[in-house]
Structures are given as C-alpha cells and as structure tokens.
Amino acid sequence: MSGVLAAMRTQFGDTFGYQLNIYRDQVVVQRPDTANAQKVVTWLYREGNWASVGPELAVPSRSVVGDLSKFDVQAVVGVVQQAPQTLHIYDANRIFLAIESRKDGGLHLQINATDGALSGTIVLAPNGSIMQITPPVR
C-alpha cells in the first residue's frame, strides 16, 4: 500500500483525489482533471504503469478532493490481511480497499471481500480501528 501511495506521488506529485480503490493486482484512482477542475479523470495503475481510462466525468456534488494518504497504512494493511477471517469468507477471491475523501476533511475507508457467492464489508477509521462490520448474509 505504501508503494501505491509512493507511485501516486511520483506520477502526480501528490496523493490527492476523490477516491482510491486498491485491489490485489491494480489500483483505480479518481482525480481532478488538471485542465478542468470540474471534471474527474479515472486512472488505472497496473504493473508499474499509469493509464487514464474511460471518459472524463463531471464531479459529483457529494465528492470532494482530499489527501487519500491520510491514514495509518500499517494498521489498515493489518485489517485488510485479516478481512477474510473477520468476515468468515475464507475463500475470498476478491478483496479491495476503497478510500474516499469526505467533505469534513476526513477519509472513509472500506474493505470489500467476496468469494463470488458471499460478500461483506469492514468500515475503518483512518487509524485502522474497525468502525463497522457487515458480514455476508448466509
């Protein structure tokens, strides 16, 4: 995760954006368009390379730019690694962390895990403490 944030700093000069989704094999970040701040550009980072993907979108009214690195990386990584056990989804084949900037200046962090049939979420505070667990419905 630290490597992702470092790659953002190298590519963009900062870690600001609307949302950052970190998957096992890729990263998706939504950032303001440098040519038009009223537009959002979605960037994909995979295998060490950045690419702009999809059309530029208007900034949703509920979105705000924030520093997507303002969280305790090590604590959050620990919770992400334990997410399958915490959610009792032992064969999780897709786990990702969604980090979204909030209007109050904070971040919303949510871990999503699924095995294709079951899915659950864990909401975290920026310090890595678990705020809410939504286990799969069986």
N, C-alpha and C. Protein backbone atom coordinates (compact mmCIF):
# COMPACT_ATOMS: atom_id res chain seq x y z
N MET A 1 0.83 -1.18 0.00
CA MET A 1 0.00 0.00 0.00
C MET A 1 0.88 1.25 0.00
N SER A 2 1.96 1.21 0.75
CA SER A 2 2.90 2.34 0.74
C SER A 2 3.45 2.56 -0.66
N GLY A 3 3.67 1.46 -1.38
CA GLY A 3 4.17 1.55 -2.75
C GLY A 3 3.19 2.23 -3.68
N VAL A 4 1.91 1.98 -3.47
CA VAL A 4 0.86 2.62 -4.28
C VAL A 4 0.88 4.13 -4.04
N LEU A 5 0.96 4.53 -2.78
CA LEU A 5 0.96 5.95 -2.45
C LEU A 5 2.23 6.62 -2.99
N ALA A 6 3.36 5.93 -2.93
CA ALA A 6 4.60 6.46 -3.49
C ALA A 6 4.49 6.61 -5.00
N ALA A 7 3.86 5.64 -5.66
CA ALA A 7 3.67 5.72 -7.11
C ALA A 7 2.77 6.90 -7.48
N MET A 8 1.75 7.16 -6.65
CA MET A 8 0.89 8.32 -6.90
C MET A 8 1.70 9.61 -6.79
N ARG A 9 2.53 9.70 -5.76
CA ARG A 9 3.35 10.91 -5.58
C ARG A 9 4.29 11.12 -6.76
N THR A 10 4.86 10.02 -7.25
CA THR A 10 5.77 10.10 -8.39
C THR A 10 5.03 10.54 -9.65
N GLN A 11 3.87 9.95 -9.90
CA GLN A 11 3.11 10.23 -11.12
C GLN A 11 2.46 11.62 -11.09
N PHE A 12 1.84 11.97 -9.96
CA PHE A 12 1.01 13.17 -9.91
C PHE A 12 1.59 14.29 -9.05
N GLY A 13 2.60 13.98 -8.25
CA GLY A 13 3.18 15.00 -7.38
C GLY A 13 2.51 15.10 -6.02
N ASP A 14 1.44 14.32 -5.83
CA ASP A 14 0.71 14.33 -4.55
C ASP A 14 -0.15 13.07 -4.47
N THR A 15 -0.90 12.95 -3.39
CA THR A 15 -1.81 11.80 -3.21
C THR A 15 -3.25 12.28 -3.09
N PHE A 16 -3.55 13.39 -3.75
CA PHE A 16 -4.90 13.94 -3.68
C PHE A 16 -5.81 13.28 -4.71
N GLY A 17 -7.09 13.18 -4.35
CA GLY A 17 -8.08 12.63 -5.26
C GLY A 17 -9.42 12.53 -4.59
N TYR A 18 -10.37 12.00 -5.33
CA TYR A 18 -11.72 11.78 -4.81
C TYR A 18 -11.83 10.40 -4.18
N GLN A 19 -11.29 9.40 -4.89
CA GLN A 19 -11.40 8.02 -4.42
C GLN A 19 -10.22 7.21 -4.93
N LEU A 20 -9.82 6.25 -4.10
CA LEU A 20 -8.72 5.34 -4.42
C LEU A 20 -9.18 3.94 -4.06
N ASN A 21 -9.19 3.05 -5.05
CA ASN A 21 -9.53 1.64 -4.82
C ASN A 21 -8.27 0.81 -5.05
N ILE A 22 -7.87 0.07 -4.03
CA ILE A 22 -6.66 -0.73 -4.11
C ILE A 22 -7.05 -2.20 -4.14
N TYR A 23 -6.77 -2.84 -5.29
CA TYR A 23 -7.03 -4.27 -5.49
C TYR A 23 -5.70 -5.01 -5.40
N ARG A 24 -5.74 -6.32 -5.43
CA ARG A 24 -4.52 -7.12 -5.38
C ARG A 24 -3.60 -6.83 -6.56
N ASP A 25 -4.18 -6.68 -7.75
CA ASP A 25 -3.38 -6.58 -8.97
C ASP A 25 -3.46 -5.23 -9.68
N GLN A 26 -4.22 -4.29 -9.14
CA GLN A 26 -4.33 -2.99 -9.78
C GLN A 26 -4.88 -1.95 -8.81
N VAL A 27 -4.77 -0.71 -9.21
CA VAL A 27 -5.27 0.41 -8.42
C VAL A 27 -6.08 1.30 -9.34
N VAL A 28 -7.20 1.83 -8.84
CA VAL A 28 -8.01 2.78 -9.59
C VAL A 28 -8.14 4.03 -8.73
N VAL A 29 -7.78 5.17 -9.30
CA VAL A 29 -7.88 6.43 -8.56
C VAL A 29 -8.65 7.45 -9.40
N GLN A 30 -9.53 8.18 -8.74
CA GLN A 30 -10.25 9.27 -9.39
C GLN A 30 -9.66 10.57 -8.88
N ARG A 31 -9.21 11.40 -9.82
CA ARG A 31 -8.55 12.66 -9.50
C ARG A 31 -9.16 13.78 -10.33
N PRO A 32 -8.97 15.03 -9.88
CA PRO A 32 -9.45 16.14 -10.70
C PRO A 32 -8.64 16.23 -11.99
N ASP A 33 -9.30 16.62 -13.05
CA ASP A 33 -8.63 16.85 -14.32
C ASP A 33 -7.76 18.11 -14.18
N THR A 34 -6.51 18.03 -14.58
CA THR A 34 -5.63 19.19 -14.45
C THR A 34 -6.02 20.32 -15.39
N ALA A 35 -6.73 20.01 -16.47
CA ALA A 35 -7.15 21.04 -17.42
C ALA A 35 -8.51 21.64 -17.06
N ASN A 36 -9.34 20.89 -16.32
CA ASN A 36 -10.68 21.36 -15.98
C ASN A 36 -11.07 20.76 -14.63
N ALA A 37 -11.00 21.55 -13.59
CA ALA A 37 -11.27 21.07 -12.23
C ALA A 37 -12.70 20.60 -12.03
N GLN A 38 -13.59 20.88 -12.98
CA GLN A 38 -14.98 20.43 -12.88
C GLN A 38 -15.14 19.00 -13.41
N LYS A 39 -14.06 18.41 -13.85
CA LYS A 39 -14.09 17.05 -14.40
C LYS A 39 -13.23 16.11 -13.55
N VAL A 40 -13.60 14.84 -13.57
CA VAL A 40 -12.87 13.79 -12.86
C VAL A 40 -12.22 12.87 -13.89
N VAL A 41 -10.96 12.56 -13.68
CA VAL A 41 -10.26 11.61 -14.53
C VAL A 41 -10.00 10.35 -13.71
N THR A 42 -10.31 9.20 -14.28
CA THR A 42 -10.05 7.92 -13.63
C THR A 42 -8.74 7.36 -14.18
N TRP A 43 -7.85 7.02 -13.26
CA TRP A 43 -6.55 6.47 -13.61
C TRP A 43 -6.44 5.02 -13.12
N LEU A 44 -5.84 4.18 -13.95
CA LEU A 44 -5.59 2.78 -13.61
C LEU A 44 -4.08 2.59 -13.47
N TYR A 45 -3.67 1.95 -12.39
CA TYR A 45 -2.26 1.64 -12.17
C TYR A 45 -2.12 0.13 -12.11
N ARG A 46 -1.35 -0.41 -13.04
CA ARG A 46 -1.17 -1.86 -13.09
C ARG A 46 0.24 -2.15 -13.61
N GLU A 47 0.91 -3.07 -12.95
CA GLU A 47 2.26 -3.50 -13.36
C GLU A 47 3.21 -2.32 -13.54
N GLY A 48 3.10 -1.33 -12.64
CA GLY A 48 4.02 -0.20 -12.65
C GLY A 48 3.70 0.90 -13.64
N ASN A 49 2.56 0.80 -14.31
CA ASN A 49 2.21 1.80 -15.32
C ASN A 49 0.86 2.46 -15.02
N TRP A 50 0.79 3.76 -15.28
CA TRP A 50 -0.45 4.52 -15.12
C TRP A 50 -1.09 4.75 -16.48
N ALA A 51 -2.42 4.67 -16.54
CA ALA A 51 -3.16 4.97 -17.76
C ALA A 51 -4.48 5.62 -17.40
N SER A 52 -4.83 6.65 -18.13
CA SER A 52 -6.14 7.28 -17.97
C SER A 52 -7.16 6.40 -18.66
N VAL A 53 -8.26 6.10 -17.98
CA VAL A 53 -9.26 5.20 -18.56
C VAL A 53 -10.64 5.86 -18.57
N GLY A 54 -11.40 5.51 -19.59
CA GLY A 54 -12.79 5.98 -19.64
C GLY A 54 -12.91 7.46 -19.92
N PRO A 55 -14.13 7.89 -20.13
CA PRO A 55 -14.37 9.31 -20.37
C PRO A 55 -14.23 10.12 -19.08
N GLU A 56 -13.93 11.40 -19.26
CA GLU A 56 -13.92 12.29 -18.11
C GLU A 56 -15.36 12.50 -17.67
N LEU A 57 -15.56 12.57 -16.37
CA LEU A 57 -16.90 12.71 -15.81
C LEU A 57 -16.99 14.02 -15.06
N ALA A 58 -18.22 14.53 -14.94
CA ALA A 58 -18.45 15.71 -14.11
C ALA A 58 -18.24 15.31 -12.65
N VAL A 59 -17.79 16.24 -11.85
CA VAL A 59 -17.57 15.98 -10.43
C VAL A 59 -18.93 15.82 -9.74
N PRO A 60 -19.20 14.67 -9.12
CA PRO A 60 -20.47 14.51 -8.39
C PRO A 60 -20.56 15.52 -7.25
N SER A 61 -21.75 15.99 -6.97
CA SER A 61 -21.94 17.04 -5.96
C SER A 61 -21.47 16.61 -4.57
N ARG A 62 -21.49 15.33 -4.28
CA ARG A 62 -21.09 14.87 -2.95
C ARG A 62 -19.59 14.62 -2.84
N SER A 63 -18.87 14.79 -3.94
CA SER A 63 -17.44 14.50 -3.94
C SER A 63 -16.60 15.72 -3.60
N VAL A 64 -15.47 15.45 -2.97
CA VAL A 64 -14.52 16.49 -2.61
C VAL A 64 -13.11 15.91 -2.72
N VAL A 65 -12.17 16.74 -3.14
CA VAL A 65 -10.78 16.31 -3.24
C VAL A 65 -10.16 16.32 -1.85
N GLY A 66 -9.41 15.29 -1.55
CA GLY A 66 -8.72 15.21 -0.28
C GLY A 66 -7.44 14.42 -0.42
N ASP A 67 -6.63 14.42 0.62
CA ASP A 67 -5.39 13.65 0.63
C ASP A 67 -5.71 12.21 0.99
N LEU A 68 -5.63 11.35 -0.01
CA LEU A 68 -6.01 9.94 0.15
C LEU A 68 -4.96 9.12 0.90
N SER A 69 -3.89 9.76 1.36
CA SER A 69 -2.85 9.04 2.11
C SER A 69 -2.93 9.31 3.61
N LYS A 70 -3.93 10.01 4.07
CA LYS A 70 -4.02 10.42 5.48
C LYS A 70 -4.64 9.32 6.34
N PHE A 71 -3.96 8.18 6.38
CA PHE A 71 -4.39 7.07 7.22
C PHE A 71 -3.17 6.27 7.64
N ASP A 72 -3.33 5.46 8.67
CA ASP A 72 -2.25 4.63 9.20
C ASP A 72 -2.11 3.40 8.31
N VAL A 73 -1.17 3.47 7.38
CA VAL A 73 -1.01 2.41 6.38
C VAL A 73 -0.83 1.04 7.02
N GLN A 74 0.08 0.92 7.99
CA GLN A 74 0.37 -0.39 8.58
C GLN A 74 -0.85 -0.96 9.30
N ALA A 75 -1.57 -0.13 10.03
CA ALA A 75 -2.76 -0.61 10.75
C ALA A 75 -3.83 -1.06 9.76
N VAL A 76 -4.03 -0.30 8.70
CA VAL A 76 -5.05 -0.65 7.71
C VAL A 76 -4.65 -1.92 6.96
N VAL A 77 -3.38 -2.05 6.61
CA VAL A 77 -2.91 -3.28 5.94
C VAL A 77 -3.20 -4.50 6.81
N GLY A 78 -2.98 -4.38 8.11
CA GLY A 78 -3.26 -5.49 9.02
C GLY A 78 -4.71 -5.91 9.00
N VAL A 79 -5.62 -4.94 8.96
CA VAL A 79 -7.05 -5.26 8.91
C VAL A 79 -7.42 -5.87 7.56
N VAL A 80 -6.83 -5.34 6.48
CA VAL A 80 -7.10 -5.90 5.14
C VAL A 80 -6.66 -7.36 5.10
N GLN A 81 -5.49 -7.66 5.64
CA GLN A 81 -4.98 -9.04 5.61
C GLN A 81 -5.87 -9.99 6.40
N GLN A 82 -6.50 -9.51 7.45
CA GLN A 82 -7.37 -10.35 8.28
C GLN A 82 -8.83 -10.32 7.84
N ALA A 83 -9.16 -9.53 6.82
CA ALA A 83 -10.57 -9.36 6.41
C ALA A 83 -11.28 -10.68 6.11
N PRO A 84 -10.68 -11.63 5.38
CA PRO A 84 -11.41 -12.88 5.13
C PRO A 84 -11.79 -13.61 6.42
N GLN A 85 -10.89 -13.64 7.39
CA GLN A 85 -11.19 -14.30 8.66
C GLN A 85 -12.23 -13.50 9.45
N THR A 86 -12.07 -12.19 9.48
CA THR A 86 -13.02 -11.33 10.21
C THR A 86 -14.43 -11.50 9.66
N LEU A 87 -14.54 -11.59 8.33
CA LEU A 87 -15.85 -11.69 7.68
C LEU A 87 -16.32 -13.14 7.50
N HIS A 88 -15.47 -14.10 7.85
CA HIS A 88 -15.78 -15.53 7.67
C HIS A 88 -16.04 -15.86 6.20
N ILE A 89 -15.23 -15.25 5.34
CA ILE A 89 -15.23 -15.55 3.90
C ILE A 89 -13.84 -16.12 3.61
N TYR A 90 -13.67 -17.39 3.91
CA TYR A 90 -12.34 -17.98 3.93
C TYR A 90 -11.73 -18.20 2.56
N ASP A 91 -12.55 -18.26 1.51
CA ASP A 91 -12.03 -18.43 0.15
C ASP A 91 -12.21 -17.16 -0.65
N ALA A 92 -12.05 -16.01 -0.01
CA ALA A 92 -12.24 -14.73 -0.70
C ALA A 92 -11.28 -14.63 -1.88
N ASN A 93 -11.84 -14.42 -3.06
CA ASN A 93 -11.02 -14.30 -4.25
C ASN A 93 -10.91 -12.85 -4.72
N ARG A 94 -11.63 -11.97 -4.08
CA ARG A 94 -11.56 -10.54 -4.43
C ARG A 94 -11.69 -9.72 -3.14
N ILE A 95 -10.62 -9.03 -2.83
CA ILE A 95 -10.59 -8.15 -1.66
C ILE A 95 -10.04 -6.81 -2.15
N PHE A 96 -10.72 -5.73 -1.80
CA PHE A 96 -10.15 -4.43 -2.12
C PHE A 96 -10.49 -3.41 -1.06
N LEU A 97 -9.64 -2.41 -1.00
CA LEU A 97 -9.81 -1.30 -0.07
C LEU A 97 -10.25 -0.08 -0.85
N ALA A 98 -11.37 0.50 -0.47
CA ALA A 98 -11.86 1.74 -1.08
C ALA A 98 -11.62 2.88 -0.09
N ILE A 99 -10.95 3.91 -0.56
CA ILE A 99 -10.65 5.09 0.26
C ILE A 99 -11.31 6.28 -0.43
N GLU A 100 -12.20 6.94 0.28
CA GLU A 100 -12.94 8.06 -0.31
C GLU A 100 -12.78 9.30 0.56
N SER A 101 -12.50 10.41 -0.11
CA SER A 101 -12.37 11.69 0.60
C SER A 101 -13.76 12.18 1.00
N ARG A 102 -13.85 12.76 2.19
CA ARG A 102 -15.13 13.26 2.70
C ARG A 102 -15.11 14.78 2.81
N LYS A 103 -16.30 15.33 2.76
CA LYS A 103 -16.43 16.79 2.84
C LYS A 103 -15.94 17.35 4.17
N ASP A 104 -15.95 16.56 5.23
CA ASP A 104 -15.48 17.04 6.53
C ASP A 104 -13.95 17.03 6.64
N GLY A 105 -13.28 16.67 5.55
CA GLY A 105 -11.82 16.64 5.54
C GLY A 105 -11.23 15.29 5.88
N GLY A 106 -12.07 14.36 6.32
CA GLY A 106 -11.61 13.02 6.67
C GLY A 106 -11.66 12.07 5.49
N LEU A 107 -11.44 10.81 5.79
CA LEU A 107 -11.50 9.76 4.79
C LEU A 107 -12.47 8.68 5.23
N HIS A 108 -13.14 8.06 4.27
CA HIS A 108 -13.97 6.89 4.51
C HIS A 108 -13.19 5.71 3.95
N LEU A 109 -12.87 4.73 4.78
CA LEU A 109 -12.14 3.55 4.35
C LEU A 109 -13.04 2.33 4.51
N GLN A 110 -13.14 1.55 3.45
CA GLN A 110 -13.99 0.36 3.48
C GLN A 110 -13.30 -0.78 2.76
N ILE A 111 -13.22 -1.92 3.44
CA ILE A 111 -12.69 -3.14 2.84
C ILE A 111 -13.88 -3.95 2.34
N ASN A 112 -13.78 -4.41 1.10
CA ASN A 112 -14.81 -5.25 0.50
C ASN A 112 -14.18 -6.61 0.19
N ALA A 113 -14.87 -7.68 0.57
CA ALA A 113 -14.36 -9.03 0.31
C ALA A 113 -15.49 -9.89 -0.21
N THR A 114 -15.16 -10.74 -1.19
CA THR A 114 -16.16 -11.66 -1.73
C THR A 114 -15.48 -12.95 -2.19
N ASP A 115 -16.25 -14.02 -2.19
CA ASP A 115 -15.78 -15.28 -2.76
C ASP A 115 -16.61 -15.63 -4.00
N GLY A 116 -17.40 -14.69 -4.47
CA GLY A 116 -18.27 -14.91 -5.61
C GLY A 116 -19.70 -15.16 -5.20
N ALA A 117 -19.89 -15.81 -4.08
CA ALA A 117 -21.23 -16.10 -3.57
C ALA A 117 -21.55 -15.24 -2.35
N LEU A 118 -20.58 -15.08 -1.48
CA LEU A 118 -20.75 -14.30 -0.25
C LEU A 118 -19.90 -13.05 -0.33
N SER A 119 -20.40 -11.95 0.23
CA SER A 119 -19.60 -10.74 0.30
C SER A 119 -19.89 -10.01 1.59
N GLY A 120 -18.90 -9.27 2.06
CA GLY A 120 -19.04 -8.50 3.28
C GLY A 120 -18.13 -7.29 3.24
N THR A 121 -18.32 -6.39 4.20
CA THR A 121 -17.52 -5.18 4.25
C THR A 121 -17.07 -4.88 5.68
N ILE A 122 -15.98 -4.16 5.76
CA ILE A 122 -15.46 -3.64 7.03
C ILE A 122 -15.18 -2.16 6.82
N VAL A 123 -15.77 -1.32 7.64
CA VAL A 123 -15.50 0.11 7.60
C VAL A 123 -14.48 0.43 8.68
N LEU A 124 -13.46 1.20 8.29
CA LEU A 124 -12.36 1.53 9.20
C LEU A 124 -12.26 3.03 9.45
N ALA A 125 -11.74 3.37 10.60
CA ALA A 125 -11.31 4.74 10.86
C ALA A 125 -9.91 4.88 10.25
N PRO A 126 -9.46 6.10 9.98
CA PRO A 126 -8.12 6.28 9.42
C PRO A 126 -6.99 5.71 10.28
N ASN A 127 -7.22 5.51 11.56
CA ASN A 127 -6.19 4.92 12.42
C ASN A 127 -6.20 3.39 12.36
N GLY A 128 -7.08 2.81 11.56
CA GLY A 128 -7.14 1.36 11.39
C GLY A 128 -8.12 0.66 12.30
N SER A 129 -8.76 1.39 13.21
CA SER A 129 -9.74 0.74 14.09
C SER A 129 -11.02 0.44 13.31
N ILE A 130 -11.60 -0.71 13.61
CA ILE A 130 -12.81 -1.15 12.92
C ILE A 130 -14.01 -0.39 13.47
N MET A 131 -14.76 0.24 12.56
CA MET A 131 -15.94 1.01 12.94
C MET A 131 -17.22 0.20 12.76
N GLN A 132 -17.23 -0.63 11.70
CA GLN A 132 -18.44 -1.40 11.39
C GLN A 132 -18.06 -2.63 10.58
N ILE A 133 -18.70 -3.74 10.89
CA ILE A 133 -18.53 -4.98 10.13
C ILE A 133 -19.90 -5.37 9.60
N THR A 134 -19.97 -5.59 8.28
CA THR A 134 -21.19 -6.10 7.67
C THR A 134 -20.85 -7.47 7.09
N PRO A 135 -21.16 -8.53 7.86
CA PRO A 135 -20.81 -9.87 7.40
C PRO A 135 -21.74 -10.30 6.27
N PRO A 136 -21.35 -11.35 5.56
CA PRO A 136 -22.22 -11.84 4.50
C PRO A 136 -23.51 -12.41 5.07
N VAL A 137 -24.56 -12.30 4.27
CA VAL A 137 -25.83 -12.91 4.64
C VAL A 137 -25.79 -14.33 4.10
N ARG A 138 -25.97 -15.30 4.97
CA ARG A 138 -25.88 -16.70 4.54
C ARG A 138 -27.25 -17.31 4.37
